[in-house]
Amino acid sequence: MDVRGSLVCVGTGMLLGAHIGPRARAHIEQADVVFVAVSDPLVELWIQGMNADVRSLQPLYGEGKSRRDTYNEMVEMMVTEVRAGRRVCGAFYGHPGVFALAPHLAVERVREAGFEAHMEPGISAEDCLYADLGIDPGTFGCQHYEASQFMLYQRRIDPSAYLILWQVGLAGDRSLRRFRTSSAERQLLVDLLAEDYPLDHGVIAYEAATLPLGAPRQERFPLSDLASRELEQQTTLVIPPARRMRINASMRERMAALQPETGIPAGFP
């Protein structure tokens, strides 16, 4: 029988043992080999209990080593096993397609080689953020950017919506070789944000809980304090709206002409 290799990248969720879905668990249990990329050794140990062949990708990281090189090595390890005819599962923290480049590259490479590959979603830090901070993205809207990318490119910011900056502990890094940047580099981010937000505007440093007895980080402070705060690679900066939404009068008039019998619902922002 011709055995064809395959790849599935699954999300284990953020909270140990509590967020994984039944489909993701089944893929881990039924795979011939599981590659795991999680920074917590307890999570890795938990996954090892689901499959006899679990291989950690964490040793591929290194101080001073480009993360791009690390991701390419991860992809090569998974693709090699698929080409050998094995059912491969890559298990990643949270959602495998959210701030995780290696799963995207691996799925692309495997498909280009003519093998089956797909992702199974997981509960991400973004999902936890909405729940922990009580934010509904549909109320005012949300803008999401990786912190360094936000600094390196000109983006149109709407201060009447939430602004979510991911990996703020790496703000200002261009090397992909560091796991934290300096307060001077984070001050550059403060200076940029000060163009749209007052320095006394309250912001939130957020980190999702990863252990059942742990609590999420929800540290609130003024924007002016951002550069001096302790920020990790996994820290997300949440900036609430700083002004009210502005009514688009001309568009409302055009909508009213098409729907003359309909008014703006009570309580609509």
Protein backbone atom coordinates (compact mmCIF):
# COMPACT_ATOMS: atom_id res chain seq x y z
CA MET A 1 0.00 0.00 0.00
CA ASP A 2 1.28 3.45 -0.93
CA VAL A 3 1.48 5.42 2.31
CA ARG A 4 1.18 9.16 1.80
CA GLY A 5 2.52 11.61 4.32
CA SER A 6 0.43 14.49 5.59
CA LEU A 7 0.64 17.49 7.90
CA VAL A 8 -1.79 19.13 10.25
CA CYS A 9 -0.86 22.08 12.45
CA VAL A 10 -3.08 22.34 15.53
CA GLY A 11 -3.56 24.88 18.28
CA THR A 12 -3.35 23.73 21.89
CA GLY A 13 -4.98 26.90 23.21
CA MET A 14 -3.51 29.14 25.88
CA LEU A 15 -4.60 27.49 29.13
CA LEU A 16 -2.93 24.16 29.88
CA GLY A 17 -5.33 21.25 29.29
CA ALA A 18 -8.44 23.45 29.16
CA HIS A 19 -8.45 25.07 25.71
CA ILE A 20 -7.59 22.22 23.37
CA GLY A 21 -10.41 21.08 21.07
CA PRO A 22 -11.34 17.44 20.41
CA ARG A 23 -10.18 17.58 16.79
CA ALA A 24 -6.77 18.97 17.76
CA ARG A 25 -6.38 16.32 20.48
CA ALA A 26 -7.33 13.56 18.05
CA HIS A 27 -4.72 14.72 15.52
CA ILE A 28 -2.03 14.70 18.22
CA GLU A 29 -3.03 11.24 19.44
CA GLN A 30 -3.26 9.69 15.95
CA ALA A 31 -0.13 11.20 14.37
CA ASP A 32 2.97 9.15 13.63
CA VAL A 33 5.13 12.01 14.90
CA VAL A 34 4.28 15.21 16.76
CA PHE A 35 6.44 18.33 16.68
CA VAL A 36 5.67 20.66 19.55
CA ALA A 37 6.53 24.37 19.78
CA VAL A 38 5.52 25.67 23.20
CA SER A 39 7.70 27.61 25.63
CA ASP A 40 6.28 26.03 28.79
CA PRO A 41 7.84 22.64 29.71
CA LEU A 42 4.63 21.63 31.52
CA VAL A 43 2.66 21.98 28.30
CA GLU A 44 5.26 19.97 26.44
CA LEU A 45 5.11 17.24 29.09
CA TRP A 46 1.31 17.18 28.82
CA ILE A 47 1.50 16.70 25.04
CA GLN A 48 4.05 13.92 25.48
CA GLY A 49 1.34 12.00 27.33
CA MET A 50 -0.80 11.92 24.17
CA ASN A 51 1.69 10.39 21.72
CA ALA A 52 4.74 8.12 21.87
CA ASP A 53 6.80 10.22 19.44
CA VAL A 54 6.78 13.88 20.49
CA ARG A 55 9.73 16.03 19.43
CA SER A 56 10.35 19.51 20.83
CA LEU A 57 11.11 22.40 18.49
CA GLN A 58 12.11 24.75 21.31
CA PRO A 59 15.87 23.85 21.23
CA LEU A 60 16.02 25.41 17.76
CA TYR A 61 15.74 28.87 19.31
CA GLY A 62 18.97 30.53 20.39
CA GLU A 63 20.18 33.86 21.73
CA GLY A 64 21.56 35.88 18.84
CA LYS A 65 20.10 33.46 16.28
CA SER A 66 17.63 34.84 13.74
CA ARG A 67 14.10 33.63 14.41
CA ARG A 68 13.68 33.37 10.65
CA ASP A 69 16.41 30.69 10.62
CA THR A 70 14.68 28.92 13.49
CA TYR A 71 11.35 28.88 11.67
CA ASN A 72 12.95 27.53 8.50
CA GLU A 73 14.54 24.71 10.51
CA MET A 74 11.17 23.89 12.09
CA VAL A 75 9.57 23.72 8.66
CA GLU A 76 12.31 21.51 7.26
CA MET A 77 11.96 19.01 10.13
CA MET A 78 8.22 18.68 9.57
CA VAL A 79 8.45 18.51 5.77
CA THR A 80 11.14 15.82 5.94
CA GLU A 81 8.86 13.53 7.97
CA VAL A 82 5.93 14.15 5.62
CA ARG A 83 8.09 13.20 2.62
CA ALA A 84 8.99 10.00 4.48
CA GLY A 85 5.31 9.03 4.42
CA ARG A 86 4.40 9.87 8.01
CA ARG A 87 1.32 11.56 9.40
CA VAL A 88 2.83 14.63 11.01
CA CYS A 89 1.22 16.92 13.56
CA GLY A 90 2.66 20.27 14.58
CA ALA A 91 1.30 21.45 17.94
CA PHE A 92 1.59 25.17 18.66
CA TYR A 93 0.53 27.45 21.49
CA GLY A 94 -2.81 29.16 21.04
CA HIS A 95 -3.89 29.26 17.39
CA PRO A 96 -1.35 27.81 14.92
CA GLY A 97 -2.00 30.59 12.43
CA VAL A 98 -1.80 33.58 14.78
CA PHE A 99 1.69 35.05 15.27
CA ALA A 100 3.18 31.71 14.31
CA LEU A 101 5.05 31.86 11.00
CA ALA A 102 6.37 28.28 10.93
CA PRO A 103 2.93 26.59 10.62
CA HIS A 104 1.99 28.79 7.66
CA LEU A 105 5.30 28.07 5.92
CA ALA A 106 5.06 24.36 6.66
CA VAL A 107 1.53 24.01 5.30
CA GLU A 108 2.56 25.93 2.18
CA ARG A 109 5.68 23.81 1.61
CA VAL A 110 3.85 20.52 2.12
CA ARG A 111 1.06 21.47 -0.28
CA GLU A 112 3.57 22.60 -2.90
CA ALA A 113 5.19 19.17 -2.62
CA GLY A 114 1.86 17.53 -3.41
CA PHE A 115 0.92 16.32 0.06
CA GLU A 116 -2.16 17.06 2.17
CA ALA A 117 -1.80 19.79 4.79
CA HIS A 118 -4.17 21.94 6.81
CA MET A 119 -4.62 23.80 10.10
CA GLU A 120 -6.96 23.22 13.02
CA PRO A 121 -7.73 26.46 14.91
CA GLY A 122 -7.17 26.94 18.59
CA ILE A 123 -8.01 29.47 21.27
CA SER A 124 -5.53 32.32 20.84
CA ALA A 125 -4.30 35.10 23.11
CA GLU A 126 -6.65 37.40 21.21
CA ASP A 127 -9.64 35.29 22.23
CA CYS A 128 -8.51 35.35 25.85
CA LEU A 129 -7.92 39.11 25.67
CA TYR A 130 -11.52 39.81 24.65
CA ALA A 131 -12.83 37.64 27.49
CA ASP A 132 -10.46 38.82 30.23
CA LEU A 133 -10.72 42.54 29.45
CA GLY A 134 -14.41 42.50 28.57
CA ILE A 135 -13.87 43.88 25.07
CA ASP A 136 -16.36 43.31 22.25
CA PRO A 137 -14.53 44.18 18.99
CA GLY A 138 -17.87 44.97 17.41
CA THR A 139 -18.62 47.88 19.75
CA PHE A 140 -15.93 50.37 18.70
CA GLY A 141 -13.79 48.25 16.36
CA CYS A 142 -10.24 46.94 16.83
CA GLN A 143 -7.00 47.54 14.98
CA HIS A 144 -4.30 44.90 15.40
CA TYR A 145 -0.60 45.30 14.55
CA GLU A 146 2.67 43.70 15.49
CA ALA A 147 4.47 46.41 17.50
CA SER A 148 7.68 46.67 15.45
CA GLN A 149 5.78 46.55 12.15
CA PHE A 150 3.55 49.33 13.46
CA MET A 151 6.67 51.43 14.06
CA LEU A 152 8.35 50.68 10.75
CA TYR A 153 5.42 51.51 8.47
CA GLN A 154 2.98 54.40 8.24
CA ARG A 155 -0.42 53.20 9.44
CA ARG A 156 -3.71 55.08 9.60
CA ILE A 157 -4.78 55.04 13.24
CA ASP A 158 -8.35 55.65 14.42
CA PRO A 159 -8.23 56.68 18.10
CA SER A 160 -11.97 56.04 18.42
CA ALA A 161 -11.31 52.28 18.13
CA TYR A 162 -9.18 49.93 20.22
CA LEU A 163 -5.56 49.64 19.15
CA ILE A 164 -3.93 46.28 19.93
CA LEU A 165 -0.13 46.03 19.61
CA TRP A 166 1.28 42.51 19.78
CA GLN A 167 4.76 41.52 21.02
CA VAL A 168 5.29 44.97 22.52
CA GLY A 169 8.29 43.67 24.48
CA LEU A 170 10.05 43.42 21.10
CA ALA A 171 8.99 46.91 19.95
CA GLY A 172 11.71 48.40 17.76
CA ASP A 173 13.54 45.14 17.01
CA ARG A 174 14.66 44.79 13.38
CA SER A 175 17.14 41.93 13.80
CA LEU A 176 14.79 39.03 14.65
CA ARG A 177 17.60 37.93 16.98
CA ARG A 178 16.48 39.45 20.29
CA PHE A 179 13.86 38.47 22.85
CA ARG A 180 13.46 41.93 24.38
CA THR A 181 14.21 45.53 23.41
CA SER A 182 15.41 48.46 25.49
CA SER A 183 13.43 51.23 27.16
CA ALA A 184 14.93 53.65 24.61
CA GLU A 185 13.41 51.65 21.75
CA ARG A 186 10.07 51.44 23.53
CA GLN A 187 10.22 55.22 24.04
CA LEU A 188 10.23 55.53 20.25
CA LEU A 189 6.91 53.70 20.30
CA VAL A 190 5.58 56.09 22.96
CA ASP A 191 6.63 59.05 20.83
CA LEU A 192 4.82 57.60 17.83
CA LEU A 193 1.64 56.87 19.78
CA ALA A 194 1.72 60.38 21.30
CA GLU A 195 0.86 61.71 17.84
CA ASP A 196 -2.65 60.29 18.28
CA TYR A 197 -3.05 59.76 22.04
CA PRO A 198 -2.46 61.99 25.09
CA LEU A 199 0.43 60.78 27.26
CA ASP A 200 -1.87 60.41 30.26
CA HIS A 201 -4.20 58.09 28.30
CA GLY A 202 -4.63 54.79 30.12
CA VAL A 203 -3.29 51.65 28.43
CA ILE A 204 -3.15 47.97 29.44
CA ALA A 205 -0.26 45.48 29.38
CA TYR A 206 -1.95 42.13 28.84
CA GLU A 207 -0.74 38.52 29.04
CA ALA A 208 -3.11 35.55 28.87
CA ALA A 209 -2.99 32.97 31.66
CA THR A 210 -1.35 29.69 30.65
CA LEU A 211 -1.74 27.64 33.86
CA PRO A 212 -5.04 26.78 35.60
CA LEU A 213 -4.02 28.47 38.87
CA GLY A 214 -2.52 31.48 37.14
CA ALA A 215 -4.18 34.81 36.43
CA PRO A 216 -3.92 36.95 33.31
CA ARG A 217 -1.77 40.07 33.49
CA GLN A 218 -3.94 43.18 33.24
CA GLU A 219 -1.59 46.00 34.24
CA ARG A 220 -3.02 49.47 33.69
CA PHE A 221 -0.87 52.60 33.48
CA PRO A 222 -0.61 55.85 31.52
CA LEU A 223 0.94 55.74 28.07
CA SER A 224 3.83 57.88 29.32
CA ASP A 225 4.98 54.98 31.57
CA LEU A 226 5.21 52.40 28.78
CA ALA A 227 8.98 52.64 28.22
CA SER A 228 9.76 51.98 31.89
CA ARG A 229 7.45 48.98 32.39
CA GLU A 230 8.54 45.34 32.41
CA LEU A 231 7.42 43.96 29.06
CA GLU A 232 7.92 40.43 27.76
CA GLN A 233 7.81 38.99 24.26
CA GLN A 234 4.28 37.71 24.95
CA THR A 235 3.01 41.04 26.34
CA THR A 236 0.25 42.71 24.34
CA LEU A 237 -0.45 46.43 24.61
CA VAL A 238 -4.13 47.34 24.61
CA ILE A 239 -4.98 51.00 23.95
CA PRO A 240 -8.65 51.82 24.56
CA PRO A 241 -10.42 54.44 22.46
CA ALA A 242 -9.29 57.99 23.22
CA ARG A 243 -12.16 59.83 21.57
CA ARG A 244 -15.76 59.31 20.51
CA MET A 245 -16.60 57.98 17.07
CA ARG A 246 -17.33 60.73 14.56
CA ILE A 247 -20.67 60.62 12.79
CA ASN A 248 -20.55 60.31 9.01
CA ALA A 249 -23.47 62.63 8.29
CA SER A 250 -23.33 62.39 4.49
CA MET A 251 -23.37 58.59 4.53
CA ARG A 252 -26.28 58.56 6.98
CA GLU A 253 -28.22 60.80 4.63
CA ARG A 254 -27.54 58.51 1.68
CA MET A 255 -28.56 55.45 3.73
CA ALA A 256 -31.73 57.23 4.87
CA ALA A 257 -32.67 57.96 1.25
CA LEU A 258 -32.53 54.23 0.51
CA GLN A 259 -34.30 53.26 3.75
CA PRO A 260 -36.60 56.19 4.60
CA GLU A 261 -38.70 54.15 7.02
CA THR A 262 -35.71 53.02 9.08
CA GLY A 263 -34.03 55.08 11.77
CA ILE A 264 -30.84 54.50 13.75
CA PRO A 265 -31.61 51.83 16.40
CA ALA A 266 -31.72 53.01 20.01
CA GLY A 267 -28.41 52.48 21.73
CA PHE A 268 -26.49 52.25 18.46
CA PRO A 269 -23.01 53.82 18.90
